[in-house]
PDB file of all heavy atoms in Angstrom:
ATOM      1  N   LYS A   1      10.733   7.883 -18.552  1.00  0.00           N
ATOM      2  CA  LYS A   1      11.611   6.750 -18.296  1.00  0.00           C
ATOM      3  C   LYS A   1      11.153   5.919 -17.118  1.00  0.00           C
ATOM      4  O   LYS A   1      11.401   4.721 -17.058  1.00  0.00           O
ATOM      5  CB  LYS A   1      13.035   7.264 -18.024  1.00  0.00           C
ATOM      6  CG  LYS A   1      13.771   7.708 -19.267  1.00  0.00           C
ATOM      7  CD  LYS A   1      15.204   8.065 -18.908  1.00  0.00           C
ATOM      8  CE  LYS A   1      15.978   8.463 -20.157  1.00  0.00           C
ATOM      9  NZ  LYS A   1      17.377   8.793 -19.825  1.00  0.00           N
ATOM     10  N   GLU A   2      10.495   6.567 -16.153  1.00  0.00           N
ATOM     11  CA  GLU A   2      10.114   5.823 -14.951  1.00  0.00           C
ATOM     12  C   GLU A   2       9.139   4.702 -15.277  1.00  0.00           C
ATOM     13  O   GLU A   2       9.153   3.650 -14.642  1.00  0.00           O
ATOM     14  CB  GLU A   2       9.484   6.772 -13.912  1.00  0.00           C
ATOM     15  CG  GLU A   2       8.171   7.441 -14.324  1.00  0.00           C
ATOM     16  CD  GLU A   2       8.429   8.707 -15.113  1.00  0.00           C
ATOM     17  OE1 GLU A   2       9.575   8.916 -15.533  1.00  0.00           O
ATOM     18  OE2 GLU A   2       7.481   9.468 -15.331  1.00  0.00           O
ATOM     19  N   TYR A   3       8.293   4.857 -16.309  1.00  0.00           N
ATOM     20  CA  TYR A   3       7.356   3.808 -16.680  1.00  0.00           C
ATOM     21  C   TYR A   3       8.085   2.637 -17.319  1.00  0.00           C
ATOM     22  O   TYR A   3       7.715   1.484 -17.122  1.00  0.00           O
ATOM     23  CB  TYR A   3       6.296   4.353 -17.640  1.00  0.00           C
ATOM     24  CG  TYR A   3       5.323   5.294 -16.995  1.00  0.00           C
ATOM     25  CD1 TYR A   3       5.342   6.643 -17.314  1.00  0.00           C
ATOM     26  CD2 TYR A   3       4.393   4.838 -16.072  1.00  0.00           C
ATOM     27  CE1 TYR A   3       4.441   7.526 -16.734  1.00  0.00           C
ATOM     28  CE2 TYR A   3       3.501   5.706 -15.478  1.00  0.00           C
ATOM     29  CZ  TYR A   3       3.542   7.049 -15.811  1.00  0.00           C
ATOM     30  OH  TYR A   3       2.660   7.904 -15.222  1.00  0.00           O
ATOM     31  N   VAL A   4       9.095   2.949 -18.114  1.00  0.00           N
ATOM     32  CA  VAL A   4       9.864   1.884 -18.758  1.00  0.00           C
ATOM     33  C   VAL A   4      10.577   1.048 -17.720  1.00  0.00           C
ATOM     34  O   VAL A   4      10.615  -0.182 -17.781  1.00  0.00           O
ATOM     35  CB  VAL A   4      10.870   2.482 -19.756  1.00  0.00           C
ATOM     36  CG1 VAL A   4      11.693   1.387 -20.407  1.00  0.00           C
ATOM     37  CG2 VAL A   4      10.138   3.294 -20.817  1.00  0.00           C
ATOM     38  N   GLN A   5      11.180   1.710 -16.729  1.00  0.00           N
ATOM     39  CA  GLN A   5      11.913   0.994 -15.705  1.00  0.00           C
ATOM     40  C   GLN A   5      10.982   0.153 -14.844  1.00  0.00           C
ATOM     41  O   GLN A   5      11.342  -0.936 -14.398  1.00  0.00           O
ATOM     42  CB  GLN A   5      12.675   1.996 -14.829  1.00  0.00           C
ATOM     43  CG  GLN A   5      13.761   2.758 -15.593  1.00  0.00           C
ATOM     44  CD  GLN A   5      14.358   3.867 -14.747  1.00  0.00           C
ATOM     45  OE1 GLN A   5      13.895   4.137 -13.648  1.00  0.00           O
ATOM     46  NE2 GLN A   5      15.388   4.511 -15.289  1.00  0.00           N
ATOM     47  N   ALA A   6       9.782   0.646 -14.632  1.00  0.00           N
ATOM     48  CA  ALA A   6       8.837  -0.089 -13.784  1.00  0.00           C
ATOM     49  C   ALA A   6       8.100  -1.168 -14.538  1.00  0.00           C
ATOM     50  O   ALA A   6       7.444  -2.000 -13.938  1.00  0.00           O
ATOM     51  CB  ALA A   6       7.830   0.894 -13.174  1.00  0.00           C
ATOM     52  N   GLY A   7       8.184  -1.173 -15.878  1.00  0.00           N
ATOM     53  CA  GLY A   7       7.449  -2.172 -16.660  1.00  0.00           C
ATOM     54  C   GLY A   7       5.969  -1.881 -16.611  1.00  0.00           C
ATOM     55  O   GLY A   7       5.525  -0.760 -16.831  1.00  0.00           O
ATOM     56  N   LEU A   8       5.196  -2.894 -16.267  1.00  0.00           N
ATOM     57  CA  LEU A   8       3.751  -2.713 -16.161  1.00  0.00           C
ATOM     58  C   LEU A   8       3.362  -1.924 -14.920  1.00  0.00           C
ATOM     59  O   LEU A   8       2.289  -1.367 -14.846  1.00  0.00           O
ATOM     60  CB  LEU A   8       3.052  -4.074 -16.113  1.00  0.00           C
ATOM     61  CG  LEU A   8       2.887  -4.764 -17.461  1.00  0.00           C
ATOM     62  CD1 LEU A   8       2.307  -6.137 -17.248  1.00  0.00           C
ATOM     63  CD2 LEU A   8       1.999  -3.959 -18.384  1.00  0.00           C
ATOM     64  N   LYS A   9       4.228  -1.896 -13.902  1.00  0.00           N
ATOM     65  CA  LYS A   9       3.901  -1.189 -12.670  1.00  0.00           C
ATOM     66  C   LYS A   9       4.244   0.287 -12.813  1.00  0.00           C
ATOM     67  O   LYS A   9       5.344   0.640 -13.192  1.00  0.00           O
ATOM     68  CB  LYS A   9       4.662  -1.777 -11.483  1.00  0.00           C
ATOM     69  CG  LYS A   9       4.206  -3.171 -11.098  1.00  0.00           C
ATOM     70  CD  LYS A   9       4.922  -3.620  -9.856  1.00  0.00           C
ATOM     71  CE  LYS A   9       4.439  -4.995  -9.414  1.00  0.00           C
ATOM     72  NZ  LYS A   9       5.136  -5.445  -8.191  1.00  0.00           N
ATOM     73  N   THR A  10       3.289   1.133 -12.480  1.00  0.00           N
ATOM     74  CA  THR A  10       3.537   2.562 -12.462  1.00  0.00           C
ATOM     75  C   THR A  10       4.169   2.933 -11.134  1.00  0.00           C
ATOM     76  O   THR A  10       4.095   2.187 -10.166  1.00  0.00           O
ATOM     77  CB  THR A  10       2.213   3.329 -12.641  1.00  0.00           C
ATOM     78  OG1 THR A  10       1.365   2.969 -11.557  1.00  0.00           O
ATOM     79  CG2 THR A  10       1.548   2.972 -13.949  1.00  0.00           C
ATOM     80  N   PRO A  11       4.819   4.122 -11.052  1.00  0.00           N
ATOM     81  CA  PRO A  11       5.440   4.513  -9.792  1.00  0.00           C
ATOM     82  C   PRO A  11       4.466   4.526  -8.628  1.00  0.00           C
ATOM     83  O   PRO A  11       4.808   4.144  -7.529  1.00  0.00           O
ATOM     84  CB  PRO A  11       5.974   5.925 -10.087  1.00  0.00           C
ATOM     85  CG  PRO A  11       6.198   5.942 -11.563  1.00  0.00           C
ATOM     86  CD  PRO A  11       5.132   5.066 -12.143  1.00  0.00           C
ATOM     87  N   ALA A  12       3.228   4.939  -8.862  1.00  0.00           N
ATOM     88  CA  ALA A  12       2.259   4.990  -7.771  1.00  0.00           C
ATOM     89  C   ALA A  12       1.878   3.608  -7.294  1.00  0.00           C
ATOM     90  O   ALA A  12       1.615   3.391  -6.130  1.00  0.00           O
ATOM     91  CB  ALA A  12       1.013   5.760  -8.223  1.00  0.00           C
ATOM     92  N   SER A  13       1.831   2.650  -8.213  1.00  0.00           N
ATOM     93  CA  SER A  13       1.388   1.322  -7.839  1.00  0.00           C
ATOM     94  C   SER A  13       2.407   0.580  -6.997  1.00  0.00           C
ATOM     95  O   SER A  13       2.104  -0.401  -6.371  1.00  0.00           O
ATOM     96  CB  SER A  13       1.072   0.491  -9.086  1.00  0.00           C
ATOM     97  OG  SER A  13       2.258   0.210  -9.797  1.00  0.00           O
ATOM     98  N   GLN A  14       3.667   1.083  -6.995  1.00  0.00           N
ATOM     99  CA  GLN A  14       4.673   0.432  -6.173  1.00  0.00           C
ATOM    100  C   GLN A  14       4.415   0.672  -4.700  1.00  0.00           C
ATOM    101  O   GLN A  14       4.879  -0.097  -3.855  1.00  0.00           O
ATOM    102  CB  GLN A  14       6.066   0.957  -6.556  1.00  0.00           C
ATOM    103  CG  GLN A  14       6.482   0.562  -7.973  1.00  0.00           C
ATOM    104  CD  GLN A  14       7.806   1.177  -8.350  1.00  0.00           C
ATOM    105  OE1 GLN A  14       8.308   2.045  -7.662  1.00  0.00           O
ATOM    106  NE2 GLN A  14       8.364   0.723  -9.443  1.00  0.00           N
ATOM    107  N   ASP A  15       3.685   1.747  -4.365  1.00  0.00           N
ATOM    108  CA  ASP A  15       3.409   2.074  -2.970  1.00  0.00           C
ATOM    109  C   ASP A  15       2.079   1.513  -2.506  1.00  0.00           C
ATOM    110  O   ASP A  15       1.709   1.692  -1.359  1.00  0.00           O
ATOM    111  CB  ASP A  15       3.410   3.602  -2.781  1.00  0.00           C
ATOM    112  CG  ASP A  15       4.782   4.189  -3.101  1.00  0.00           C
ATOM    113  OD1 ASP A  15       5.794   3.495  -2.853  1.00  0.00           O
ATOM    114  OD2 ASP A  15       4.820   5.323  -3.580  1.00  0.00           O
ATOM    115  N   THR A  16       1.331   0.889  -3.390  1.00  0.00           N
ATOM    116  CA  THR A  16       0.045   0.311  -3.020  1.00  0.00           C
ATOM    117  C   THR A  16       0.141  -1.191  -2.995  1.00  0.00           C
ATOM    118  O   THR A  16       0.957  -1.790  -3.665  1.00  0.00           O
ATOM    119  CB  THR A  16      -1.050   0.733  -4.014  1.00  0.00           C
ATOM    120  OG1 THR A  16      -0.538   0.610  -5.332  1.00  0.00           O
ATOM    121  CG2 THR A  16      -1.522   2.135  -3.764  1.00  0.00           C
ATOM    122  N   VAL A  17      -0.710  -1.789  -2.210  1.00  0.00           N
ATOM    123  CA  VAL A  17      -0.701  -3.238  -2.045  1.00  0.00           C
ATOM    124  C   VAL A  17      -1.983  -3.801  -2.627  1.00  0.00           C
ATOM    125  O   VAL A  17      -3.070  -3.386  -2.243  1.00  0.00           O
ATOM    126  CB  VAL A  17      -0.584  -3.628  -0.558  1.00  0.00           C
ATOM    127  CG1 VAL A  17      -0.596  -5.137  -0.414  1.00  0.00           C
ATOM    128  CG2 VAL A  17       0.698  -3.053   0.025  1.00  0.00           C
ATOM    129  N   SER A  18      -1.861  -4.713  -3.529  1.00  0.00           N
ATOM    130  CA  SER A  18      -3.036  -5.309  -4.146  1.00  0.00           C
ATOM    131  C   SER A  18      -3.619  -6.381  -3.241  1.00  0.00           C
ATOM    132  O   SER A  18      -2.899  -7.065  -2.512  1.00  0.00           O
ATOM    133  CB  SER A  18      -2.674  -5.927  -5.500  1.00  0.00           C
ATOM    134  OG  SER A  18      -3.761  -6.660  -5.993  1.00  0.00           O
ATOM    135  N   ILE A  19      -4.939  -6.524  -3.286  1.00  0.00           N
ATOM    136  CA  ILE A  19      -5.611  -7.567  -2.525  1.00  0.00           C
ATOM    137  C   ILE A  19      -5.052  -8.930  -2.888  1.00  0.00           C
ATOM    138  O   ILE A  19      -4.892  -9.813  -2.037  1.00  0.00           O
ATOM    139  CB  ILE A  19      -7.133  -7.520  -2.799  1.00  0.00           C
ATOM    140  CG1 ILE A  19      -7.733  -6.259  -2.179  1.00  0.00           C
ATOM    141  CG2 ILE A  19      -7.836  -8.736  -2.226  1.00  0.00           C
ATOM    142  CD1 ILE A  19      -9.179  -6.056  -2.494  1.00  0.00           C
ATOM    143  N   ALA A  20      -4.726  -9.105  -4.169  1.00  0.00           N
ATOM    144  CA  ALA A  20      -4.281 -10.414  -4.642  1.00  0.00           C
ATOM    145  C   ALA A  20      -2.930 -10.806  -4.064  1.00  0.00           C
ATOM    146  O   ALA A  20      -2.580 -11.980  -4.061  1.00  0.00           O
ATOM    147  CB  ALA A  20      -4.214 -10.432  -6.170  1.00  0.00           C
ATOM    148  N   ASN A  21      -2.157  -9.829  -3.598  1.00  0.00           N
ATOM    149  CA  ASN A  21      -0.849 -10.142  -3.036  1.00  0.00           C
ATOM    150  C   ASN A  21      -0.936 -10.572  -1.580  1.00  0.00           C
ATOM    151  O   ASN A  21       0.060 -10.997  -0.999  1.00  0.00           O
ATOM    152  CB  ASN A  21       0.077  -8.924  -3.153  1.00  0.00           C
ATOM    153  CG  ASN A  21       0.412  -8.614  -4.606  1.00  0.00           C
ATOM    154  OD1 ASN A  21       0.429  -9.518  -5.434  1.00  0.00           O
ATOM    155  ND2 ASN A  21       0.642  -7.357  -4.904  1.00  0.00           N
ATOM    156  N   ASN A  22      -2.102 -10.419  -0.976  1.00  0.00           N
ATOM    157  CA  ASN A  22      -2.282 -10.758   0.426  1.00  0.00           C
ATOM    158  C   ASN A  22      -3.006 -12.086   0.569  1.00  0.00           C
ATOM    159  O   ASN A  22      -3.710 -12.532  -0.328  1.00  0.00           O
ATOM    160  CB  ASN A  22      -3.086  -9.666   1.140  1.00  0.00           C
ATOM    161  CG  ASN A  22      -2.363  -8.334   1.145  1.00  0.00           C
ATOM    162  OD1 ASN A  22      -1.151  -8.299   1.143  1.00  0.00           O
ATOM    163  ND2 ASN A  22      -3.123  -7.258   1.136  1.00  0.00           N
ATOM    164  N   SER A  23      -2.840 -12.700   1.714  1.00  0.00           N
ATOM    165  CA  SER A  23      -3.585 -13.918   2.020  1.00  0.00           C
ATOM    166  C   SER A  23      -5.050 -13.578   2.245  1.00  0.00           C
ATOM    167  O   SER A  23      -5.395 -12.462   2.693  1.00  0.00           O
ATOM    168  CB  SER A  23      -2.997 -14.587   3.256  1.00  0.00           C
ATOM    169  OG  SER A  23      -3.837 -15.620   3.710  1.00  0.00           O
ATOM    170  N   TRP A  24      -5.922 -14.527   1.962  1.00  0.00           N
ATOM    171  CA  TRP A  24      -7.351 -14.296   2.190  1.00  0.00           C
ATOM    172  C   TRP A  24      -7.618 -14.061   3.671  1.00  0.00           C
ATOM    173  O   TRP A  24      -8.628 -13.447   4.044  1.00  0.00           O
ATOM    174  CB  TRP A  24      -8.167 -15.484   1.676  1.00  0.00           C
ATOM    175  CG  TRP A  24      -7.799 -16.814   2.287  1.00  0.00           C
ATOM    176  CD1 TRP A  24      -6.955 -17.750   1.777  1.00  0.00           C
ATOM    177  CD2 TRP A  24      -8.269 -17.351   3.529  1.00  0.00           C
ATOM    178  NE1 TRP A  24      -6.852 -18.824   2.611  1.00  0.00           N
ATOM    179  CE2 TRP A  24      -7.656 -18.618   3.695  1.00  0.00           C
ATOM    180  CE3 TRP A  24      -9.144 -16.898   4.505  1.00  0.00           C
ATOM    181  CZ2 TRP A  24      -7.886 -19.423   4.810  1.00  0.00           C
ATOM    182  CZ3 TRP A  24      -9.382 -17.692   5.617  1.00  0.00           C
ATOM    183  CH2 TRP A  24      -8.763 -18.939   5.759  1.00  0.00           C
ATOM    184  N   LYS A  25      -6.724 -14.512   4.531  1.00  0.00           N
ATOM    185  CA  LYS A  25      -6.922 -14.346   5.975  1.00  0.00           C
ATOM    186  C   LYS A  25      -6.843 -12.878   6.384  1.00  0.00           C
ATOM    187  O   LYS A  25      -7.396 -12.497   7.420  1.00  0.00           O
ATOM    188  CB  LYS A  25      -5.877 -15.156   6.735  1.00  0.00           C
ATOM    189  CG  LYS A  25      -6.033 -16.664   6.551  1.00  0.00           C
ATOM    190  CD  LYS A  25      -4.979 -17.431   7.334  1.00  0.00           C
ATOM    191  CE  LYS A  25      -5.145 -18.937   7.121  1.00  0.00           C
ATOM    192  NZ  LYS A  25      -4.125 -19.730   7.848  1.00  0.00           N
ATOM    193  N   THR A  26      -6.155 -12.064   5.604  1.00  0.00           N
ATOM    194  CA  THR A  26      -6.091 -10.636   5.908  1.00  0.00           C
ATOM    195  C   THR A  26      -7.340  -9.905   5.437  1.00  0.00           C
ATOM    196  O   THR A  26      -7.574  -8.761   5.831  1.00  0.00           O
ATOM    197  CB  THR A  26      -4.857 -10.004   5.243  1.00  0.00           C
ATOM    198  OG1 THR A  26      -4.975 -10.121   3.822  1.00  0.00           O
ATOM    199  CG2 THR A  26      -3.584 -10.706   5.688  1.00  0.00           C
ATOM    200  N   VAL A  27      -8.126 -10.543   4.594  1.00  0.00           N
ATOM    201  CA  VAL A  27      -9.354  -9.934   4.071  1.00  0.00           C
ATOM    202  C   VAL A  27     -10.560 -10.367   4.887  1.00  0.00           C
ATOM    203  O   VAL A  27     -11.381  -9.551   5.311  1.00  0.00           O
ATOM    204  CB  VAL A  27      -9.545 -10.304   2.586  1.00  0.00           C
ATOM    205  CG1 VAL A  27     -10.851  -9.716   2.053  1.00  0.00           C
ATOM    206  CG2 VAL A  27      -8.368  -9.814   1.768  1.00  0.00           C
ATOM    207  N   PHE A  28     -10.657 -11.675   5.140  1.00  0.00           N
ATOM    208  CA  PHE A  28     -11.786 -12.219   5.886  1.00  0.00           C
ATOM    209  C   PHE A  28     -11.305 -12.547   7.305  1.00  0.00           C
ATOM    210  O   PHE A  28     -10.722 -13.598   7.551  1.00  0.00           O
ATOM    211  CB  PHE A  28     -12.333 -13.464   5.197  1.00  0.00           C
ATOM    212  CG  PHE A  28     -12.727 -13.233   3.764  1.00  0.00           C
ATOM    213  CD1 PHE A  28     -11.931 -13.686   2.724  1.00  0.00           C
ATOM    214  CD2 PHE A  28     -13.875 -12.528   3.458  1.00  0.00           C
ATOM    215  CE1 PHE A  28     -12.283 -13.462   1.412  1.00  0.00           C
ATOM    216  CE2 PHE A  28     -14.239 -12.291   2.135  1.00  0.00           C
ATOM    217  CZ  PHE A  28     -13.442 -12.762   1.111  1.00  0.00           C
ATOM    218  N   THR A  29     -11.570 -11.615   8.219  1.00  0.00           N
ATOM    219  CA  THR A  29     -11.021 -11.719   9.572  1.00  0.00           C
ATOM    220  C   THR A  29     -11.970 -12.400  10.547  1.00  0.00           C
ATOM    221  O   THR A  29     -11.594 -12.616  11.703  1.00  0.00           O
ATOM    222  CB  THR A  29     -10.679 -10.316  10.092  1.00  0.00           C
ATOM    223  OG1 THR A  29     -11.850  -9.483  10.031  1.00  0.00           O
ATOM    224  CG2 THR A  29      -9.578  -9.684   9.248  1.00  0.00           C
ATOM    225  N   ASP A  30     -13.175 -12.724  10.123  1.00  0.00           N
ATOM    226  CA  ASP A  30     -14.119 -13.435  10.993  1.00  0.00           C
ATOM    227  C   ASP A  30     -13.556 -14.831  11.287  1.00  0.00           C
ATOM    228  O   ASP A  30     -13.305 -15.623  10.373  1.00  0.00           O
ATOM    229  CB  ASP A  30     -15.474 -13.537  10.291  1.00  0.00           C
ATOM    230  CG  ASP A  30     -16.564 -14.054  11.219  1.00  0.00           C
ATOM    231  OD1 ASP A  30     -16.323 -15.083  11.888  1.00  0.00           O
ATOM    232  OD2 ASP A  30     -17.649 -13.458  11.265  1.00  0.00           O
ATOM    233  N   ASP A  31     -13.347 -15.145  12.575  1.00  0.00           N
ATOM    234  CA  ASP A  31     -12.704 -16.417  12.929  1.00  0.00           C
ATOM    235  C   ASP A  31     -13.532 -17.619  12.514  1.00  0.00           C
ATOM    236  O   ASP A  31     -12.985 -18.643  12.082  1.00  0.00           O
ATOM    237  CB  ASP A  31     -12.403 -16.465  14.429  1.00  0.00           C
ATOM    238  CG  ASP A  31     -13.648 -16.228  15.278  1.00  0.00           C
ATOM    239  OD1 ASP A  31     -14.637 -15.699  14.739  1.00  0.00           O
ATOM    240  OD2 ASP A  31     -13.627 -16.566  16.478  1.00  0.00           O
ATOM    241  N   LYS A  32     -14.854 -17.526  12.608  1.00  0.00           N
ATOM    242  CA  LYS A  32     -15.710 -18.656  12.204  1.00  0.00           C
ATOM    243  C   LYS A  32     -15.657 -18.872  10.692  1.00  0.00           C
ATOM    244  O   LYS A  32     -15.622 -20.004  10.208  1.00  0.00           O
ATOM    245  CB  LYS A  32     -17.172 -18.399  12.639  1.00  0.00           C
ATOM    246  CG  LYS A  32     -17.357 -18.222  14.136  1.00  0.00           C
ATOM    247  CD  LYS A  32     -17.022 -19.490  14.877  1.00  0.00           C
ATOM    248  CE  LYS A  32     -17.102 -19.277  16.385  1.00  0.00           C
ATOM    249  NZ  LYS A  32     -18.285 -19.645  17.004  1.00  0.00           N
ATOM    250  N   LEU A  33     -15.633 -17.777   9.943  1.00  0.00           N
ATOM    251  CA  LEU A  33     -15.513 -17.866   8.488  1.00  0.00           C
ATOM    252  C   LEU A  33     -14.148 -18.439   8.098  1.00  0.00           C
ATOM    253  O   LEU A  33     -14.045 -19.247   7.168  1.00  0.00           O
ATOM    254  CB  LEU A  33     -15.719 -16.489   7.868  1.00  0.00           C
ATOM    255  CG  LEU A  33     -15.515 -16.369   6.353  1.00  0.00           C
ATOM    256  CD1 LEU A  33     -16.444 -17.312   5.604  1.00  0.00           C
ATOM    257  CD2 LEU A  33     -15.727 -14.928   5.899  1.00  0.00           C
ATOM    258  N   ALA A  34     -13.100 -18.037   8.812  1.00  0.00           N
ATOM    259  CA  ALA A  34     -11.754 -18.546   8.513  1.00  0.00           C
ATOM    260  C   ALA A  34     -11.674 -20.055   8.706  1.00  0.00           C
ATOM    261  O   ALA A  34     -11.020 -20.758   7.921  1.00  0.00           O
ATOM    262  CB  ALA A  34     -10.730 -17.843   9.402  1.00  0.00           C
ATOM    263  N   VAL A  35     -12.364 -20.565   9.721  1.00  0.00           N
ATOM    264  CA  VAL A  35     -12.380 -22.024   9.949  1.00  0.00           C
ATOM    265  C   VAL A  35     -13.047 -22.736   8.781  1.00  0.00           C
ATOM    266  O   VAL A  35     -12.567 -23.782   8.310  1.00  0.00           O
ATOM    267  CB  VAL A  35     -13.101 -22.341  11.273  1.00  0.00           C
ATOM    268  CG1 VAL A  35     -13.336 -23.843  11.405  1.00  0.00           C
ATOM    269  CG2 VAL A  35     -12.299 -21.850  12.463  1.00  0.00           C
ATOM    270  N   LEU A  36     -14.140 -22.179   8.290  1.00  0.00           N
ATOM    271  CA  LEU A  36     -14.846 -22.791   7.154  1.00  0.00           C
ATOM    272  C   LEU A  36     -13.968 -22.792   5.898  1.00  0.00           C
ATOM    273  O   LEU A  36     -13.907 -23.792   5.174  1.00  0.00           O
ATOM    274  CB  LEU A  36     -16.148 -22.029   6.890  1.00  0.00           C
ATOM    275  CG  LEU A  36     -17.246 -22.143   7.956  1.00  0.00           C
ATOM    276  CD1 LEU A  36     -18.399 -21.202   7.639  1.00  0.00           C
ATOM    277  CD2 LEU A  36     -17.745 -23.580   8.052  1.00  0.00           C
ATOM    278  N   ILE A  37     -13.301 -21.683   5.632  1.00  0.00           N
ATOM    279  CA  ILE A  37     -12.459 -21.597   4.431  1.00  0.00           C
ATOM    280  C   ILE A  37     -11.289 -22.566   4.535  1.00  0.00           C
ATOM    281  O   ILE A  37     -10.948 -23.261   3.569  1.00  0.00           O
ATOM    282  CB  ILE A  37     -11.961 -20.153   4.233  1.00  0.00           C
ATOM    283  CG1 ILE A  37     -13.145 -19.222   3.931  1.00  0.00           C
ATOM    284  CG2 ILE A  37     -10.944 -20.079   3.102  1.00  0.00           C
ATOM    285  CD1 ILE A  37     -12.778 -17.760   3.840  1.00  0.00           C
ATOM    286  N   ASP A  38     -10.660 -22.618   5.700  1.00  0.00           N
ATOM    287  CA  ASP A  38      -9.547 -23.562   5.904  1.00  0.00           C
ATOM    288  C   ASP A  38      -9.986 -24.990   5.650  1.00  0.00           C
ATOM    289  O   ASP A  38      -9.282 -25.770   5.003  1.00  0.00           O
ATOM    290  CB  ASP A  38      -9.007 -23.432   7.331  1.00  0.00           C
ATOM    291  CG  ASP A  38      -7.838 -22.465   7.416  1.00  0.00           C
ATOM    292  OD1 ASP A  38      -7.099 -22.345   6.421  1.00  0.00           O
ATOM    293  OD2 ASP A  38      -7.671 -21.821   8.456  1.00  0.00           O
TER     294      ASP A  38
END
């Protein structure tokens, strides 16, 4: 039942954070690179 309630998300995936849910600034921390991307 836990899979049905979670839909596509499994119980384990609720405790993990996907890269896609975060800003690119949390991935690329180099300040010079951040200026270029901005």
